[in-house]
């Protein structure tokens, strides 16, 4: 597993970041309940196998059920060998409804303590805001508290998880955040316009939604009628498949890894076969310039419709 530098943090992170949300809560295309999730014992073995295979970057969040606890149990005694990124609890900061500075600090301090306790550590490598809306990104108290966490060594680096181009641009321009986790994939390529800007500012880019929660895999067939246009567009990517990139999931992952400004690609892994597939795909052999340009031309024509949160809320991902 090759490593890339995570922006100005200087961290050498694996090209694949192990996403652990599926280890903590039912999540993803077709996953309905805990019976479809791995046991804690199997999850810990999977994490150990990933580390032994060269993956050193692990993503979790306060909101991912028992994910942090499982990571803490897995890496107790070898904390120095892993780079852990986690996110604070969701912040109630929207315009006039924002809590006071004191309330925000209480919320953030409590969330950080929960994460440190669950992870069985005294520091977080990358501590992030979960769903960093513009009101959160521009809130002085939030920025001040996160800066203090970094100054005190509770967080080695600080970052944000964004959804929109506006949020990402705001985070980069602020000069405060070291890392941005954002959605980017074959269909939704909107964020790519900001990659050079982030590179220039020394901001590390971690990409999520690479497989669109299973849509850009073999599981993405027979979708709900509301997503018929998406399913039809998905078939266009078959033109890019070849002997060396035979599966859509491989193409989707290699497409993102072909962008040199991306530090790591976040993949949700909850089965040994998914780990093995990730290791096989991240082999340093990515798309040619011709095929990359072709893939860029096949972005979904209405990216505003690609709202996975809304789809999930509407029950379209079941």
Protein backbone atom coordinates (compact mmCIF):
# COMPACT_ATOMS: atom_id res chain seq x y z
CA UNK A 1 0.00 0.00 0.00
CA UNK A 2 1.53 3.28 -1.13
CA UNK A 3 1.44 6.39 1.03
CA UNK A 4 0.70 10.03 0.22
CA UNK A 5 1.33 13.19 2.25
CA UNK A 6 -1.79 14.61 3.90
CA UNK A 7 -1.35 18.29 3.09
CA UNK A 8 0.62 20.41 5.53
CA UNK A 9 0.10 17.89 8.34
CA UNK A 10 3.06 15.95 6.98
CA UNK A 11 1.30 12.68 7.86
CA UNK A 12 2.10 9.83 5.50
CA UNK A 13 -1.28 8.18 5.01
CA UNK A 14 -2.22 5.11 3.04
CA UNK A 15 -3.88 5.76 -0.31
CA UNK A 16 -6.89 3.91 1.09
CA UNK A 17 -8.48 5.20 4.27
CA UNK A 18 -10.46 2.50 6.10
CA UNK A 19 -13.99 3.82 6.66
CA UNK A 20 -15.55 2.30 9.78
CA UNK A 21 -19.13 3.57 9.72
CA UNK A 22 -20.34 0.13 8.60
CA UNK A 23 -18.69 -1.39 11.68
CA UNK A 24 -20.74 0.80 14.01
CA UNK A 25 -24.18 1.27 12.45
CA UNK A 26 -26.29 -0.23 9.63
CA UNK A 27 -25.18 1.79 6.63
CA UNK A 28 -24.92 1.57 2.87
CA UNK A 29 -26.95 0.38 -0.08
CA UNK A 30 -29.24 -2.49 1.01
CA UNK A 31 -27.98 -2.71 4.63
CA UNK A 32 -31.07 -2.68 6.82
CA UNK A 33 -30.13 -3.81 10.33
CA UNK A 34 -27.39 -5.03 12.67
CA UNK A 35 -27.75 -8.64 11.57
CA UNK A 36 -26.01 -7.64 8.32
CA UNK A 37 -23.08 -6.09 10.20
CA UNK A 38 -19.92 -7.92 11.34
CA UNK A 39 -19.59 -8.88 14.99
CA UNK A 40 -17.16 -6.87 17.11
CA UNK A 41 -14.69 -9.77 17.06
CA UNK A 42 -14.78 -9.95 13.26
CA UNK A 43 -14.54 -6.18 12.99
CA UNK A 44 -11.42 -6.09 15.14
CA UNK A 45 -9.79 -8.84 13.08
CA UNK A 46 -10.63 -6.92 9.92
CA UNK A 47 -8.95 -3.80 11.32
CA UNK A 48 -5.87 -5.79 12.31
CA UNK A 49 -5.69 -7.35 8.84
CA UNK A 50 -5.94 -3.90 7.26
CA UNK A 51 -3.07 -2.56 9.34
CA UNK A 52 -0.95 -5.64 8.58
CA UNK A 53 -1.66 -5.05 4.88
CA UNK A 54 -0.36 -1.48 4.92
CA UNK A 55 -3.45 0.61 5.61
CA UNK A 56 -2.61 3.05 8.40
CA UNK A 57 -5.41 5.65 8.04
CA UNK A 58 -8.74 4.96 9.77
CA UNK A 59 -11.87 7.14 9.71
CA UNK A 60 -14.62 7.17 12.30
CA UNK A 61 -17.00 9.59 14.05
CA UNK A 62 -18.81 10.17 17.30
CA UNK A 63 -22.06 9.47 15.42
CA UNK A 64 -21.03 6.04 14.08
CA UNK A 65 -22.45 3.91 16.85
CA UNK A 66 -19.76 1.65 18.37
CA UNK A 67 -17.23 2.41 15.66
CA UNK A 68 -14.91 4.42 17.91
CA UNK A 69 -15.05 1.79 20.66
CA UNK A 70 -14.16 -0.96 18.19
CA UNK A 71 -11.22 1.05 16.88
CA UNK A 72 -10.04 1.70 20.41
CA UNK A 73 -10.16 -1.98 21.28
CA UNK A 74 -8.44 -2.97 18.03
CA UNK A 75 -5.49 -0.61 18.31
CA UNK A 76 -4.89 -0.50 22.05
CA UNK A 77 -1.16 -1.02 22.46
CA UNK A 78 -0.26 -0.02 18.90
CA UNK A 79 -1.69 3.51 18.78
CA UNK A 80 1.56 4.87 17.34
CA UNK A 81 1.14 2.73 14.22
CA UNK A 82 -2.18 4.21 13.10
CA UNK A 83 -3.52 7.60 12.05
CA UNK A 84 -7.08 8.08 13.26
CA UNK A 85 -9.52 10.67 12.00
CA UNK A 86 -12.74 11.19 13.93
CA UNK A 87 -15.50 13.78 13.95
CA UNK A 88 -17.28 15.64 16.71
CA UNK A 89 -20.99 15.29 17.32
CA UNK A 90 -23.28 17.29 15.06
CA UNK A 91 -23.33 20.95 16.05
CA UNK A 92 -26.64 22.88 16.34
CA UNK A 93 -25.31 26.00 14.66
CA UNK A 94 -27.75 27.59 12.20
CA UNK A 95 -28.17 31.35 12.12
CA UNK A 96 -30.08 32.84 15.05
CA UNK A 97 -30.49 29.41 16.68
CA UNK A 98 -26.80 29.05 17.43
CA UNK A 99 -25.96 28.23 21.06
CA UNK A 100 -23.83 30.59 23.12
CA UNK A 101 -20.04 30.32 23.11
CA UNK A 102 -20.15 28.59 26.48
CA UNK A 103 -22.72 26.06 25.28
CA UNK A 104 -20.69 25.33 22.17
CA UNK A 105 -17.57 24.71 24.22
CA UNK A 106 -19.50 22.38 26.52
CA UNK A 107 -20.82 20.43 23.51
CA UNK A 108 -17.43 20.20 21.82
CA UNK A 109 -15.50 19.35 25.00
CA UNK A 110 -18.00 16.63 25.83
CA UNK A 111 -17.83 15.19 22.33
CA UNK A 112 -14.03 15.18 22.32
CA UNK A 113 -13.88 13.46 25.72
CA UNK A 114 -16.27 10.76 24.51
CA UNK A 115 -14.08 10.12 21.46
CA UNK A 116 -10.83 10.05 23.44
CA UNK A 117 -12.33 7.62 25.95
CA UNK A 118 -13.82 5.37 23.28
CA UNK A 119 -10.62 5.32 21.24
CA UNK A 120 -8.54 4.69 24.40
CA UNK A 121 -6.12 7.47 23.46
CA UNK A 122 -5.06 10.90 24.70
CA UNK A 123 -4.95 12.53 21.27
CA UNK A 124 -6.70 12.49 17.90
CA UNK A 125 -4.59 12.64 14.75
CA UNK A 126 -7.22 14.48 12.69
CA UNK A 127 -10.20 15.91 14.61
CA UNK A 128 -12.97 17.09 12.33
CA UNK A 129 -16.28 18.92 12.27
CA UNK A 130 -19.05 16.65 11.07
CA UNK A 131 -21.15 18.31 8.34
CA UNK A 132 -19.44 21.70 8.31
CA UNK A 133 -22.10 24.09 7.09
CA UNK A 134 -21.15 27.70 6.36
CA UNK A 135 -22.70 28.97 9.66
CA UNK A 136 -20.48 26.48 11.52
CA UNK A 137 -17.40 27.30 9.45
CA UNK A 138 -17.81 31.01 10.15
CA UNK A 139 -18.61 30.66 13.85
CA UNK A 140 -15.82 32.27 15.89
CA UNK A 141 -16.35 30.04 18.92
CA UNK A 142 -16.09 26.85 16.88
CA UNK A 143 -12.88 28.00 15.21
CA UNK A 144 -11.40 29.13 18.51
CA UNK A 145 -12.13 25.84 20.31
CA UNK A 146 -10.70 23.68 17.52
CA UNK A 147 -7.59 25.85 17.40
CA UNK A 148 -7.16 25.33 21.14
CA UNK A 149 -7.46 21.56 20.75
CA UNK A 150 -4.61 21.67 18.26
CA UNK A 151 -2.49 24.02 20.40
CA UNK A 152 -2.90 21.72 23.41
CA UNK A 153 -2.01 18.59 21.43
CA UNK A 154 -5.42 17.02 21.86
CA UNK A 155 -5.64 17.09 18.08
CA UNK A 156 -2.52 16.86 15.93
CA UNK A 157 -4.47 18.33 13.02
CA UNK A 158 -7.97 19.75 12.58
CA UNK A 159 -10.34 19.45 9.68
CA UNK A 160 -13.88 19.53 8.38
CA UNK A 161 -16.27 17.27 6.55
CA UNK A 162 -18.08 19.19 3.81
CA UNK A 163 -20.81 18.47 1.28
CA UNK A 164 -20.95 21.46 -1.05
CA UNK A 165 -18.41 23.38 -3.11
CA UNK A 166 -19.30 26.53 -1.17
CA UNK A 167 -18.47 24.86 2.15
CA UNK A 168 -15.19 23.47 0.82
CA UNK A 169 -14.11 26.83 -0.62
CA UNK A 170 -14.91 28.55 2.68
CA UNK A 171 -12.87 25.98 4.62
CA UNK A 172 -9.85 26.35 2.33
CA UNK A 173 -9.99 30.14 2.31
CA UNK A 174 -10.16 30.32 6.11
CA UNK A 175 -6.57 29.10 6.40
CA UNK A 176 -7.49 27.29 9.64
CA UNK A 177 -8.34 23.75 8.60
CA UNK A 178 -5.59 21.25 7.79
CA UNK A 179 -7.76 18.56 6.21
CA UNK A 180 -11.04 18.49 4.29
CA UNK A 181 -13.09 15.35 3.76
CA UNK A 182 -15.44 15.79 0.81
CA UNK A 183 -17.64 13.85 -1.63
CA UNK A 184 -16.22 13.16 -5.08
CA UNK A 185 -16.80 10.32 -7.52
CA UNK A 186 -17.38 9.38 -11.15
CA UNK A 187 -20.85 10.88 -11.14
CA UNK A 188 -20.42 13.88 -8.87
CA UNK A 189 -17.22 15.69 -9.86
CA UNK A 190 -18.12 19.20 -8.67
CA UNK A 191 -15.44 19.44 -5.98
CA UNK A 192 -12.56 18.84 -8.41
CA UNK A 193 -12.41 22.54 -9.28
CA UNK A 194 -11.08 23.24 -5.77
CA UNK A 195 -8.37 20.56 -5.67
CA UNK A 196 -5.61 22.87 -7.00
CA UNK A 197 -6.66 25.58 -4.54
CA UNK A 198 -6.43 23.14 -1.65
CA UNK A 199 -3.04 21.92 -2.85
CA UNK A 200 -1.72 25.48 -3.02
CA UNK A 201 -2.94 26.18 0.53
CA UNK A 202 -1.48 22.95 1.91
CA UNK A 203 -4.87 21.46 2.75
CA UNK A 204 -5.06 17.67 2.64
CA UNK A 205 -7.96 16.22 0.66
CA UNK A 206 -9.66 12.98 1.73
CA UNK A 207 -12.38 11.81 -0.63
CA UNK A 208 -15.50 9.96 0.51
CA UNK A 209 -18.60 8.72 -1.38
CA UNK A 210 -16.24 7.14 -3.90
CA UNK A 211 -18.68 4.28 -4.50
CA UNK A 212 -21.82 6.33 -3.77
CA UNK A 213 -22.80 3.97 -0.95
CA UNK A 214 -22.71 0.98 -3.27
CA UNK A 215 -24.33 2.51 -6.34
CA UNK A 216 -21.02 2.46 -8.23
CA UNK A 217 -20.62 -1.27 -7.53
CA UNK A 218 -22.38 -4.44 -8.63
CA UNK A 219 -24.95 -3.76 -5.90
CA UNK A 220 -26.12 -0.64 -7.72
CA UNK A 221 -28.50 -2.46 -10.04
CA UNK A 222 -32.30 -2.57 -9.85
CA UNK A 223 -32.57 0.79 -8.14
CA UNK A 224 -35.75 2.52 -7.05
CA UNK A 225 -37.87 4.12 -9.82
CA UNK A 226 -36.99 7.58 -8.48
CA UNK A 227 -33.34 6.85 -9.38
CA UNK A 228 -33.95 5.39 -12.83
CA UNK A 229 -32.02 8.18 -14.58
CA UNK A 230 -29.07 7.56 -12.26
CA UNK A 231 -29.16 3.83 -12.98
CA UNK A 232 -29.23 4.48 -16.73
CA UNK A 233 -26.30 6.89 -16.49
CA UNK A 234 -24.39 4.35 -14.42
CA UNK A 235 -24.37 2.03 -17.42
CA UNK A 236 -22.32 4.54 -19.43
CA UNK A 237 -19.26 3.70 -17.35
CA UNK A 238 -19.21 0.20 -18.84
CA UNK A 239 -17.52 1.82 -21.84
CA UNK A 240 -14.47 2.51 -19.65
CA UNK A 241 -14.10 -1.04 -18.38
CA UNK A 242 -11.28 -3.22 -19.69
CA UNK A 243 -9.30 -6.32 -18.84
CA UNK A 244 -7.18 -4.44 -16.29
CA UNK A 245 -10.16 -2.50 -14.84
CA UNK A 246 -12.96 -5.00 -15.12
CA UNK A 247 -15.37 -3.91 -12.35
CA UNK A 248 -17.21 -0.63 -11.92
CA UNK A 249 -16.07 -0.36 -8.29
CA UNK A 250 -12.44 -0.69 -9.44
CA UNK A 251 -12.96 2.03 -12.03
CA UNK A 252 -14.60 4.34 -9.48
CA UNK A 253 -11.75 3.94 -7.00
CA UNK A 254 -8.97 4.26 -9.57
CA UNK A 255 -10.66 7.36 -10.99
CA UNK A 256 -10.33 9.19 -7.67
CA UNK A 257 -6.81 7.88 -7.01
CA UNK A 258 -5.78 9.22 -10.43
CA UNK A 259 -6.14 12.75 -9.03
CA UNK A 260 -2.74 13.62 -7.56
CA UNK A 261 -4.17 16.33 -5.31
CA UNK A 262 -6.15 13.67 -3.40
CA UNK A 263 -4.27 12.37 -0.36
CA UNK A 264 -6.45 9.38 0.46
CA UNK A 265 -9.60 7.63 -0.70
CA UNK A 266 -12.07 6.68 2.01
CA UNK A 267 -13.71 3.29 1.48
CA UNK A 268 -16.22 1.69 3.79
CA UNK A 269 -14.93 -1.79 4.62
CA UNK A 270 -16.94 -4.34 6.59
CA UNK A 271 -15.96 -7.65 4.99
CA UNK A 272 -12.65 -9.38 4.27
CA UNK A 273 -13.43 -9.48 0.56
CA UNK A 274 -13.92 -5.69 0.51
CA UNK A 275 -10.54 -5.24 2.19
CA UNK A 276 -8.90 -7.55 -0.33
CA UNK A 277 -10.54 -5.68 -3.21
CA UNK A 278 -9.32 -2.33 -1.85
CA UNK A 279 -5.77 -3.66 -1.60
CA UNK A 280 -5.89 -5.00 -5.16
CA UNK A 281 -7.27 -1.77 -6.63
CA UNK A 282 -4.83 0.58 -4.85
CA UNK A 283 -1.84 -0.87 -6.65
CA UNK A 284 -0.31 2.34 -8.00
CA UNK A 285 -1.62 1.67 -11.50
CA UNK A 286 -4.39 4.14 -12.18
CA UNK A 287 -6.13 5.66 -15.20
CA UNK A 288 -4.26 6.85 -18.27
CA UNK A 289 -4.66 10.51 -19.17
CA UNK A 290 -6.95 9.52 -22.02
CA UNK A 291 -9.21 7.36 -19.89
CA UNK A 292 -9.22 9.94 -17.09
CA UNK A 293 -10.33 12.66 -19.51
CA UNK A 294 -13.02 10.33 -20.83
CA UNK A 295 -14.27 9.63 -17.31
CA UNK A 296 -14.44 13.35 -16.58
CA UNK A 297 -16.70 13.78 -19.60
CA UNK A 298 -19.12 11.21 -18.16
CA UNK A 299 -19.97 13.15 -15.00
CA UNK A 300 -23.69 13.12 -14.20
CA UNK A 301 -25.33 16.09 -15.99
CA UNK A 302 -27.44 17.12 -12.97
CA UNK A 303 -25.08 16.87 -9.98
CA UNK A 304 -27.50 18.76 -7.76
CA UNK A 305 -29.76 15.70 -7.80
CA UNK A 306 -27.01 13.48 -6.36
CA UNK A 307 -27.95 14.09 -2.73
CA UNK A 308 -27.33 10.80 -0.91
CA UNK A 309 -28.54 12.22 2.40
CA UNK A 310 -31.88 13.10 0.82
CA UNK A 311 -32.07 9.73 -0.92
CA UNK A 312 -31.50 7.96 2.38
CA UNK A 313 -34.12 10.10 4.10
CA UNK A 314 -36.59 9.25 1.34
CA UNK A 315 -35.86 5.54 1.61
CA UNK A 316 -34.39 5.29 -1.89
CA UNK A 317 -31.24 3.46 -0.79
CA UNK A 318 -33.02 0.44 0.68
